[in-house]
C-alpha atoms as a PDB file:
ATOM      1  CA  MET A   1      45.805 103.852  85.464  1.00  0.00           C
ATOM      2  CA  PRO A   2      48.876 104.105  82.645  1.00  0.00           C
ATOM      3  CA  ILE A   3      52.195 104.863  84.258  1.00  0.00           C
ATOM      4  CA  ASN A   4      52.974 107.805  83.613  1.00  0.00           C
ATOM      5  CA  ASP A   5      50.113 108.700  85.312  1.00  0.00           C
ATOM      6  CA  LEU A   6      50.794 106.853  88.393  1.00  0.00           C
ATOM      7  CA  LEU A   7      54.664 108.293  88.430  1.00  0.00           C
ATOM      8  CA  SER A   8      53.088 111.758  87.457  1.00  0.00           C
ATOM      9  CA  ARG A   9      50.273 112.092  90.449  1.00  0.00           C
ATOM     10  CA  ASN A  10      53.116 110.436  93.021  1.00  0.00           C
ATOM     11  CA  TYR A  11      51.290 107.625  94.388  1.00  0.00           C
ATOM     12  CA  LYS A  12      53.399 106.535  97.304  1.00  0.00           C
ATOM     13  CA  GLN A  13      51.163 104.516  98.878  1.00  0.00           C
ATOM     14  CA  PHE A  14      51.740 102.163  95.573  1.00  0.00           C
ATOM     15  CA  ILE A  15      55.011 102.051  96.456  1.00  0.00           C
ATOM     16  CA  TYR A  16      55.029 101.075 100.106  1.00  0.00           C
ATOM     17  CA  LEU A  17      52.603  98.153  98.423  1.00  0.00           C
ATOM     18  CA  GLY A  18      54.624  97.341  96.001  1.00  0.00           C
ATOM     19  CA  LEU A  19      58.210  97.326  98.703  1.00  0.00           C
ATOM     20  CA  PHE A  20      55.323  95.397 101.364  1.00  0.00           C
ATOM     21  CA  ILE A  21      55.018  92.144  98.738  1.00  0.00           C
ATOM     22  CA  VAL A  22      58.747  92.676  97.736  1.00  0.00           C
ATOM     23  CA  LEU A  23      59.237  91.538 101.246  1.00  0.00           C
ATOM     24  CA  SER A  24      56.469  89.201 101.635  1.00  0.00           C
ATOM     25  CA  ILE A  25      57.336  86.949  99.113  1.00  0.00           C
ATOM     26  CA  PRO A  26      61.020  85.446  99.708  1.00  0.00           C
ATOM     27  CA  LEU A  27      59.983  85.340 104.149  1.00  0.00           C
ATOM     28  CA  ILE A  28      57.196  83.184 102.816  1.00  0.00           C
ATOM     29  CA  ASN A  29      58.774  81.337 100.706  1.00  0.00           C
ATOM     30  CA  PRO A  30      62.805  81.874 100.754  1.00  0.00           C
ATOM     31  CA  ILE A  31      64.145  82.329  96.980  1.00  0.00           C
ATOM     32  CA  GLY A  32      67.516  81.210  97.799  1.00  0.00           C
ATOM     33  CA  LEU A  33      69.536  84.283  96.464  1.00  0.00           C
ATOM     34  CA  PRO A  34      73.631  82.950  95.954  1.00  0.00           C
ATOM     35  CA  VAL A  35      74.824  84.450  99.187  1.00  0.00           C
ATOM     36  CA  PRO A  36      78.292  84.690  99.215  1.00  0.00           C
ATOM     37  CA  ILE A  37      80.057  83.835 101.734  1.00  0.00           C
ATOM     38  CA  ASP A  38      83.098  85.910 103.684  1.00  0.00           C
ATOM     39  CA  GLN A  39      85.961  84.829 104.529  1.00  0.00           C
ATOM     40  CA  THR A  40      85.964  85.553 108.243  1.00  0.00           C
ATOM     41  CA  THR A  41      82.914  83.286 108.265  1.00  0.00           C
ATOM     42  CA  LYS A  42      84.598  80.464 107.264  1.00  0.00           C
ATOM     43  CA  ASP A  43      87.668  80.757 109.522  1.00  0.00           C
ATOM     44  CA  VAL A  44      84.837  80.348 112.333  1.00  0.00           C
ATOM     45  CA  TYR A  45      82.469  77.426 110.502  1.00  0.00           C
ATOM     46  CA  ASN A  46      86.532  75.436 110.135  1.00  0.00           C
ATOM     47  CA  LYS A  47      87.508  76.254 113.882  1.00  0.00           C
ATOM     48  CA  ILE A  48      84.931  74.677 115.222  1.00  0.00           C
ATOM     49  CA  ASN A  49      84.942  72.150 111.864  1.00  0.00           C
ATOM     50  CA  SER A  50      88.187  71.204 113.675  1.00  0.00           C
ATOM     51  CA  LEU A  51      86.914  70.691 117.402  1.00  0.00           C
ATOM     52  CA  LYS A  52      87.804  66.814 118.847  1.00  0.00           C
ATOM     53  CA  PRO A  53      85.792  64.924 121.753  1.00  0.00           C
ATOM     54  CA  GLY A  54      86.351  66.965 125.118  1.00  0.00           C
ATOM     55  CA  ASP A  55      86.688  70.013 123.414  1.00  0.00           C
ATOM     56  CA  VAL A  56      85.709  73.165 125.183  1.00  0.00           C
ATOM     57  CA  VAL A  57      83.559  75.926 123.680  1.00  0.00           C
ATOM     58  CA  VAL A  58      82.407  79.235 125.151  1.00  0.00           C
ATOM     59  CA  LEU A  59      79.356  81.209 123.736  1.00  0.00           C
ATOM     60  CA  GLY A  60      79.070  84.518 125.642  1.00  0.00           C
ATOM     61  CA  SER A  61      76.147  86.338 125.085  1.00  0.00           C
ATOM     62  CA  ASN A  62      75.103  90.261 124.698  1.00  0.00           C
ATOM     63  CA  ILE A  63      72.439  89.979 122.790  1.00  0.00           C
ATOM     64  CA  GLY A  64      68.919  91.853 123.959  1.00  0.00           C
ATOM     65  CA  ALA A  65      66.008  93.054 122.167  1.00  0.00           C
ATOM     66  CA  SER A  66      67.916  95.514 120.565  1.00  0.00           C
ATOM     67  CA  ILE A  67      70.740  94.049 118.318  1.00  0.00           C
ATOM     68  CA  TYR A  68      68.310  90.177 117.997  1.00  0.00           C
ATOM     69  CA  ALA A  69      67.367  90.496 114.276  1.00  0.00           C
ATOM     70  CA  GLU A  70      71.375  91.306 113.514  1.00  0.00           C
ATOM     71  CA  VAL A  71      72.384  88.856 116.235  1.00  0.00           C
ATOM     72  CA  TYR A  72      70.367  86.626 117.234  1.00  0.00           C
ATOM     73  CA  PRO A  73      70.227  84.811 114.371  1.00  0.00           C
ATOM     74  CA  GLN A  74      74.098  84.222 114.017  1.00  0.00           C
ATOM     75  CA  TYR A  75      74.012  83.022 117.641  1.00  0.00           C
ATOM     76  CA  ILE A  76      71.577  80.183 116.625  1.00  0.00           C
ATOM     77  CA  ALA A  77      73.247  79.123 113.566  1.00  0.00           C
ATOM     78  CA  VAL A  78      76.736  78.621 115.419  1.00  0.00           C
ATOM     79  CA  LEU A  79      75.095  76.639 118.581  1.00  0.00           C
ATOM     80  CA  GLU A  80      73.581  74.113 116.102  1.00  0.00           C
ATOM     81  CA  HIS A  81      76.859  73.823 114.187  1.00  0.00           C
ATOM     82  CA  VAL A  82      78.551  73.286 118.026  1.00  0.00           C
ATOM     83  CA  PHE A  83      75.995  70.770 118.597  1.00  0.00           C
ATOM     84  CA  ARG A  84      76.513  69.306 115.821  1.00  0.00           C
ATOM     85  CA  MET A  85      80.307  68.319 116.918  1.00  0.00           C
ATOM     86  CA  GLU A  86      80.451  64.780 118.764  1.00  0.00           C
ATOM     87  CA  GLY A  87      81.636  64.922 121.690  1.00  0.00           C
ATOM     88  CA  VAL A  88      82.544  69.047 121.990  1.00  0.00           C
ATOM     89  CA  LYS A  89      81.152  70.192 125.802  1.00  0.00           C
ATOM     90  CA  VAL A  90      79.915  73.859 125.864  1.00  0.00           C
ATOM     91  CA  LEU A  91      79.671  76.627 128.220  1.00  0.00           C
ATOM     92  CA  LEU A  92      76.811  79.299 127.622  1.00  0.00           C
ATOM     93  CA  VAL A  93      77.660  82.412 128.992  1.00  0.00           C
ATOM     94  CA  GLY A  94      75.309  85.914 129.288  1.00  0.00           C
ATOM     95  CA  HIS A  95      76.718  88.745 129.827  1.00  0.00           C
ATOM     96  CA  GLY A  96      73.373  90.736 128.724  1.00  0.00           C
ATOM     97  CA  VAL A  97      70.689  90.993 131.011  1.00  0.00           C
ATOM     98  CA  GLU A  98      68.500  90.121 128.405  1.00  0.00           C
ATOM     99  CA  ALA A  99      71.069  87.271 127.159  1.00  0.00           C
ATOM    100  CA  PRO A 100      69.831  84.438 129.063  1.00  0.00           C
ATOM    101  CA  ILE A 101      66.128  84.661 127.653  1.00  0.00           C
ATOM    102  CA  PHE A 102      67.850  84.109 124.876  1.00  0.00           C
ATOM    103  CA  THR A 103      69.789  81.275 125.064  1.00  0.00           C
ATOM    104  CA  GLU A 104      66.979  79.277 126.944  1.00  0.00           C
ATOM    105  CA  LYS A 105      65.228  80.078 123.677  1.00  0.00           C
ATOM    106  CA  ALA A 106      68.117  79.264 121.255  1.00  0.00           C
ATOM    107  CA  LEU A 107      68.445  76.104 122.940  1.00  0.00           C
ATOM    108  CA  ASN A 108      64.664  75.433 122.685  1.00  0.00           C
ATOM    109  CA  GLU A 109      64.270  75.989 118.794  1.00  0.00           C
ATOM    110  CA  ILE A 110      67.583  73.753 118.126  1.00  0.00           C
ATOM    111  CA  ASN A 111      66.131  71.180 120.786  1.00  0.00           C
ATOM    112  CA  ALA A 112      69.067  70.824 122.994  1.00  0.00           C
ATOM    113  CA  TYR A 113      67.219  69.224 125.979  1.00  0.00           C
ATOM    114  CA  GLU A 114      66.515  66.092 123.728  1.00  0.00           C
ATOM    115  CA  ARG A 115      69.683  66.251 122.078  1.00  0.00           C
ATOM    116  CA  LYS A 116      72.733  66.817 124.770  1.00  0.00           C
ATOM    117  CA  VAL A 117      72.673  65.745 128.119  1.00  0.00           C
ATOM    118  CA  TYR A 118      72.193  68.404 130.560  1.00  0.00           C
ATOM    119  CA  GLY A 119      75.553  68.529 132.664  1.00  0.00           C
ATOM    120  CA  GLU A 120      77.561  66.773 130.520  1.00  0.00           C
ATOM    121  CA  ASP A 121      77.573  68.104 127.570  1.00  0.00           C
ATOM    122  CA  PHE A 122      75.749  71.620 128.086  1.00  0.00           C
ATOM    123  CA  VAL A 123      75.283  74.556 130.870  1.00  0.00           C
ATOM    124  CA  HIS A 124      73.632  77.027 130.749  1.00  0.00           C
ATOM    125  CA  LEU A 125      75.330  79.531 133.711  1.00  0.00           C
ATOM    126  CA  GLY A 126      72.798  82.565 133.232  1.00  0.00           C
ATOM    127  CA  TYR A 127      74.222  85.838 133.280  1.00  0.00           C
ATOM    128  CA  ILE A 128      77.168  87.214 134.397  1.00  0.00           C
ATOM    129  CA  ALA A 129      77.228  90.930 136.480  1.00  0.00           C
ATOM    130  CA  GLY A 130      80.084  92.345 136.606  1.00  0.00           C
ATOM    131  CA  ASP A 131      80.794  94.086 133.308  1.00  0.00           C
ATOM    132  CA  GLU A 132      84.830  93.021 132.293  1.00  0.00           C
ATOM    133  CA  ALA A 133      85.910  91.837 136.345  1.00  0.00           C
ATOM    134  CA  ALA A 134      82.965  89.233 135.600  1.00  0.00           C
ATOM    135  CA  ILE A 135      84.071  87.933 132.884  1.00  0.00           C
ATOM    136  CA  ALA A 136      87.838  87.875 134.263  1.00  0.00           C
ATOM    137  CA  GLY A 137      86.910  86.003 137.883  1.00  0.00           C
ATOM    138  CA  LEU A 138      84.937  83.823 135.014  1.00  0.00           C
ATOM    139  CA  CYS A 139      88.126  82.994 132.977  1.00  0.00           C
ATOM    140  CA  ARG A 140      90.850  82.988 136.372  1.00  0.00           C
ATOM    141  CA  ASP A 141      88.013  80.676 138.611  1.00  0.00           C
ATOM    142  CA  ILE A 142      84.566  79.871 137.660  1.00  0.00           C
ATOM    143  CA  HIS A 143      84.034  77.520 140.939  1.00  0.00           C
ATOM    144  CA  GLY A 144      85.161  79.978 143.219  1.00  0.00           C
ATOM    145  CA  LEU A 145      83.120  82.761 141.243  1.00  0.00           C
ATOM    146  CA  LEU A 146      79.810  81.147 140.455  1.00  0.00           C
ATOM    147  CA  LYS A 147      77.769  78.176 142.712  1.00  0.00           C
ATOM    148  CA  VAL A 148      75.105  77.231 140.550  1.00  0.00           C
ATOM    149  CA  ASP A 149      73.919  77.529 137.622  1.00  0.00           C
ATOM    150  CA  TYR A 150      71.363  79.632 135.082  1.00  0.00           C
ATOM    151  CA  HIS A 151      68.706  76.781 136.785  1.00  0.00           C
ATOM    152  CA  GLY A 152      70.078  77.061 140.378  1.00  0.00           C
ATOM    153  CA  ASN A 153      71.962  73.857 139.928  1.00  0.00           C
ATOM    154  CA  PRO A 154      74.497  73.514 142.157  1.00  0.00           C
ATOM    155  CA  ILE A 155      78.144  74.128 139.520  1.00  0.00           C
ATOM    156  CA  SER A 156      80.431  71.670 141.525  1.00  0.00           C
ATOM    157  CA  GLU A 157      77.674  68.662 141.089  1.00  0.00           C
ATOM    158  CA  LEU A 158      77.647  69.249 137.081  1.00  0.00           C
ATOM    159  CA  PRO A 159      80.099  66.749 136.035  1.00  0.00           C
ATOM    160  CA  MET A 160      80.763  68.831 133.054  1.00  0.00           C
ATOM    161  CA  MET A 161      82.180  70.992 135.533  1.00  0.00           C
ATOM    162  CA  ASN A 162      84.513  69.123 137.224  1.00  0.00           C
ATOM    163  CA  ASP A 163      87.043  69.990 134.031  1.00  0.00           C
ATOM    164  CA  ILE A 164      86.833  73.281 133.502  1.00  0.00           C
ATOM    165  CA  ASN A 165      88.765  75.325 136.207  1.00  0.00           C
ATOM    166  CA  ASP A 166      89.519  78.434 134.151  1.00  0.00           C
ATOM    167  CA  ALA A 167      90.354  79.622 130.865  1.00  0.00           C
ATOM    168  CA  ASN A 168      92.911  77.215 130.416  1.00  0.00           C
ATOM    169  CA  ASP A 169      90.415  74.626 129.730  1.00  0.00           C
ATOM    170  CA  PHE A 170      88.858  76.810 126.835  1.00  0.00           C
ATOM    171  CA  THR A 171      88.993  75.493 123.502  1.00  0.00           C
ATOM    172  CA  LEU A 172      87.196  78.444 121.827  1.00  0.00           C
ATOM    173  CA  VAL A 173      85.168  81.668 122.500  1.00  0.00           C
ATOM    174  CA  ILE A 174      82.569  83.085 120.991  1.00  0.00           C
ATOM    175  CA  ASP A 175      81.313  86.487 121.919  1.00  0.00           C
ATOM    176  CA  PHE A 176      78.359  87.569 120.595  1.00  0.00           C
ATOM    177  CA  THR A 177      77.970  91.223 120.756  1.00  0.00           C
ATOM    178  CA  ALA A 178      77.139  95.072 119.679  1.00  0.00           C
ATOM    179  CA  SER A 179      79.161  96.906 122.219  1.00  0.00           C
ATOM    180  CA  ALA A 180      82.916  96.785 123.404  1.00  0.00           C
ATOM    181  CA  ASP A 181      82.322  93.550 125.552  1.00  0.00           C
ATOM    182  CA  SER A 182      84.136  91.470 122.758  1.00  0.00           C
ATOM    183  CA  GLN A 183      87.422  93.161 123.724  1.00  0.00           C
ATOM    184  CA  PHE A 184      86.589  91.538 127.469  1.00  0.00           C
ATOM    185  CA  TRP A 185      87.542  88.693 125.914  1.00  0.00           C
ATOM    186  CA  LEU A 186      90.780  89.289 124.036  1.00  0.00           C
ATOM    187  CA  ASN A 187      91.584  91.098 127.554  1.00  0.00           C
ATOM    188  CA  GLN A 188      90.710  88.084 129.614  1.00  0.00           C
ATOM    189  CA  ALA A 189      90.853  85.137 127.976  1.00  0.00           C
ATOM    190  CA  TYR A 190      93.381  85.941 124.751  1.00  0.00           C
ATOM    191  CA  ALA A 191      95.991  88.136 126.607  1.00  0.00           C
ATOM    192  CA  PRO A 192      96.589  85.921 129.450  1.00  0.00           C
ATOM    193  CA  TYR A 193      95.583  82.467 128.474  1.00  0.00           C
ATOM    194  CA  GLY A 194      96.229  82.434 124.906  1.00  0.00           C
ATOM    195  CA  THR A 195      92.601  81.195 124.621  1.00  0.00           C
ATOM    196  CA  ASP A 196      91.458  81.372 120.693  1.00  0.00           C
ATOM    197  CA  VAL A 197      88.431  84.142 120.257  1.00  0.00           C
ATOM    198  CA  ALA A 198      85.861  84.971 117.588  1.00  0.00           C
ATOM    199  CA  PHE A 199      83.791  87.069 116.878  1.00  0.00           C
ATOM    200  CA  GLY A 200      79.695  87.700 116.009  1.00  0.00           C
ATOM    201  CA  LEU A 201      78.634  91.459 115.358  1.00  0.00           C
ATOM    202  CA  THR A 202      76.340  93.871 114.556  1.00  0.00           C
ATOM    203  CA  ALA A 203      77.375  95.706 111.060  1.00  0.00           C
ATOM    204  CA  VAL A 204      78.630  98.846 113.220  1.00  0.00           C
ATOM    205  CA  LYS A 205      81.006  96.991 114.984  1.00  0.00           C
ATOM    206  CA  VAL A 206      82.439  94.680 111.997  1.00  0.00           C
ATOM    207  CA  PRO A 207      85.082  97.638 110.874  1.00  0.00           C
ATOM    208  CA  ASP A 208      86.879  97.604 114.983  1.00  0.00           C
ATOM    209  CA  ALA A 209      87.131  94.038 115.621  1.00  0.00           C
ATOM    210  CA  TYR A 210      88.408  93.717 111.313  1.00  0.00           C
ATOM    211  CA  ALA A 211      91.974  95.126 112.688  1.00  0.00           C
ATOM    212  CA  TYR A 212      91.953  92.367 115.662  1.00  0.00           C
ATOM    213  CA  TYR A 213      91.528  89.550 112.318  1.00  0.00           C
ATOM    214  CA  THR A 214      93.879  91.297 110.817  1.00  0.00           C
ATOM    215  CA  ALA A 215      96.372  91.281 113.014  1.00  0.00           C
ATOM    216  CA  GLY A 216      95.981  87.968 114.336  1.00  0.00           C
ATOM    217  CA  GLN A 217      94.014  88.134 117.694  1.00  0.00           C
ATOM    218  CA  ILE A 218      90.793  86.679 116.324  1.00  0.00           C
ATOM    219  CA  PHE A 219      90.252  84.012 114.260  1.00  0.00           C
ATOM    220  CA  GLY A 220      87.275  84.878 113.164  1.00  0.00           C
ATOM    221  CA  ILE A 221      83.963  87.590 112.894  1.00  0.00           C
ATOM    222  CA  ILE A 222      80.319  86.411 111.751  1.00  0.00           C
ATOM    223  CA  GLU A 223      79.092  90.102 109.984  1.00  0.00           C
ATOM    224  CA  SER A 224      75.627  91.032 111.256  1.00  0.00           C
ATOM    225  CA  LEU A 225      72.304  89.324 109.931  1.00  0.00           C
ATOM    226  CA  LYS A 226      75.169  89.071 106.058  1.00  0.00           C
ATOM    227  CA  GLY A 227      76.995  86.442 108.049  1.00  0.00           C
ATOM    228  CA  ALA A 228      74.339  84.729 110.437  1.00  0.00           C
ATOM    229  CA  ALA A 229      72.699  83.861 106.664  1.00  0.00           C
ATOM    230  CA  GLN A 230      76.058  82.541 106.035  1.00  0.00           C
ATOM    231  CA  TYR A 231      76.333  80.534 108.401  1.00  0.00           C
ATOM    232  CA  GLU A 232      73.207  79.161 107.407  1.00  0.00           C
ATOM    233  CA  ILE A 233      74.202  77.779 104.454  1.00  0.00           C
ATOM    234  CA  LEU A 234      77.370  76.698 105.638  1.00  0.00           C
ATOM    235  CA  ILE A 235      75.665  74.361 107.512  1.00  0.00           C
ATOM    236  CA  ASN A 236      72.620  73.605 105.147  1.00  0.00           C
ATOM    237  CA  ARG A 237      69.960  75.446 107.344  1.00  0.00           C
ATOM    238  CA  PRO A 238      68.769  77.427 105.681  1.00  0.00           C
ATOM    239  CA  GLY A 239      66.598  80.237 108.223  1.00  0.00           C
ATOM    240  CA  ILE A 240      65.033  83.613 109.334  1.00  0.00           C
ATOM    241  CA  ALA A 241      68.763  84.654 108.196  1.00  0.00           C
ATOM    242  CA  ALA A 242      68.508  83.369 104.541  1.00  0.00           C
ATOM    243  CA  LYS A 243      65.689  84.971 104.324  1.00  0.00           C
ATOM    244  CA  GLY A 244      66.182  88.117 105.549  1.00  0.00           C
ATOM    245  CA  MET A 245      69.266  88.485 103.179  1.00  0.00           C
ATOM    246  CA  ASP A 246      66.756  87.303 100.005  1.00  0.00           C
ATOM    247  CA  ALA A 247      64.224  89.845 101.281  1.00  0.00           C
ATOM    248  CA  GLN A 248      67.069  92.642 101.745  1.00  0.00           C
ATOM    249  CA  SER A 249      68.280  91.869  98.189  1.00  0.00           C
ATOM    250  CA  LEU A 250      64.768  91.869  96.969  1.00  0.00           C
ATOM    251  CA  ALA A 251      64.314  95.267  97.754  1.00  0.00           C
ATOM    252  CA  HIS A 252      67.765  96.808  96.369  1.00  0.00           C
ATOM    253  CA  LEU A 253      66.228  95.463  92.928  1.00  0.00           C
ATOM    254  CA  TYR A 254      63.060  96.623  93.368  1.00  0.00           C
ATOM    255  CA  PHE A 255      64.156 100.202  94.578  1.00  0.00           C
ATOM    256  CA  ILE A 256      66.806 100.512  91.679  1.00  0.00           C
ATOM    257  CA  GLY A 257      64.125  99.483  88.783  1.00  0.00           C
ATOM    258  CA  LEU A 258      62.089 102.259  90.773  1.00  0.00           C
ATOM    259  CA  ILE A 259      65.159 105.066  90.415  1.00  0.00           C
ATOM    260  CA  ILE A 260      65.278 104.306  86.385  1.00  0.00           C
ATOM    261  CA  LEU A 261      61.220 103.944  85.620  1.00  0.00           C
ATOM    262  CA  CYS A 262      61.878 107.425  87.559  1.00  0.00           C
ATOM    263  CA  ASN A 263      65.410 108.350  85.267  1.00  0.00           C
ATOM    264  CA  VAL A 264      63.216 106.903  81.872  1.00  0.00           C
ATOM    265  CA  ARG A 265      59.257 108.373  82.633  1.00  0.00           C
ATOM    266  CA  TYR A 266      61.519 112.029  82.860  1.00  0.00           C
ATOM    267  CA  PHE A 267      63.516 112.270  79.835  1.00  0.00           C
ATOM    268  CA  THR A 268      60.736 110.912  77.753  1.00  0.00           C
ATOM    269  CA  LYS A 269      57.727 113.405  79.308  1.00  0.00           C
ATOM    270  CA  GLU A 270      56.749 116.347  76.901  1.00  0.00           C
ATOM    271  CA  ARG A 271      58.603 119.590  78.024  1.00  0.00           C
ATOM    272  CA  VAL A 272      56.680 123.014  77.678  1.00  0.00           C
ATOM    273  CA  ARG A 273      58.990 125.077  77.001  1.00  0.00           C
ATOM    274  CA  ILE A 274      59.187 129.103  77.771  1.00  0.00           C
END
């Protein structure tokens, strides 16, 4: 069928079929389109690269199904990077009810339990209820707040926790969320203890976070799926975020092509004079 006839009959199903094909190609076979790296993402990467043996990284998470697509790829990329740093200790904290599920999923995806010794190199504390009060308690006295970890192990019996008592022992905190709980870490870790803090956020939360970034109160921001793809490129581990950005870019080009095609059709078709 000639393209003019196809456009004039407004066959929407063909447009959606084309979109399906365009989105499927990079998800099945990544293209590797160039991804510019934001300075905010690079700052997080450089900060982790500067860590020394014995440093403690706290990864806070409020990841749930509603923000999985944007934030989980950030989380797993940063987790992989931290696990590559020799001698760095990792403390995993959940302040969302679904967070521990996705934390364990990420740990299993990077084979954490085979690569590191649980209790010596990393600890998963699980979900801590109480919002900002819980974060405040964690920063003030971990052992006073919690008695067991996510797996039911007594905190006092985990070798890594012997040297971690409060936020003075945290080298840095990175919080992955879509809600105001990122502010909790600024209030309870950065302000009283001077702990370095960064955020991994959904796109809608980034404008708010830039105020803290430009003021020097946070050292970096990973922005949505775009930031996750950038981080995957930085650590040389392209994953679902890089594929997603390929798909998004091709979809944009597809719709730009449709707009051009429709305008060409409009200006070249025969007009009926009245």
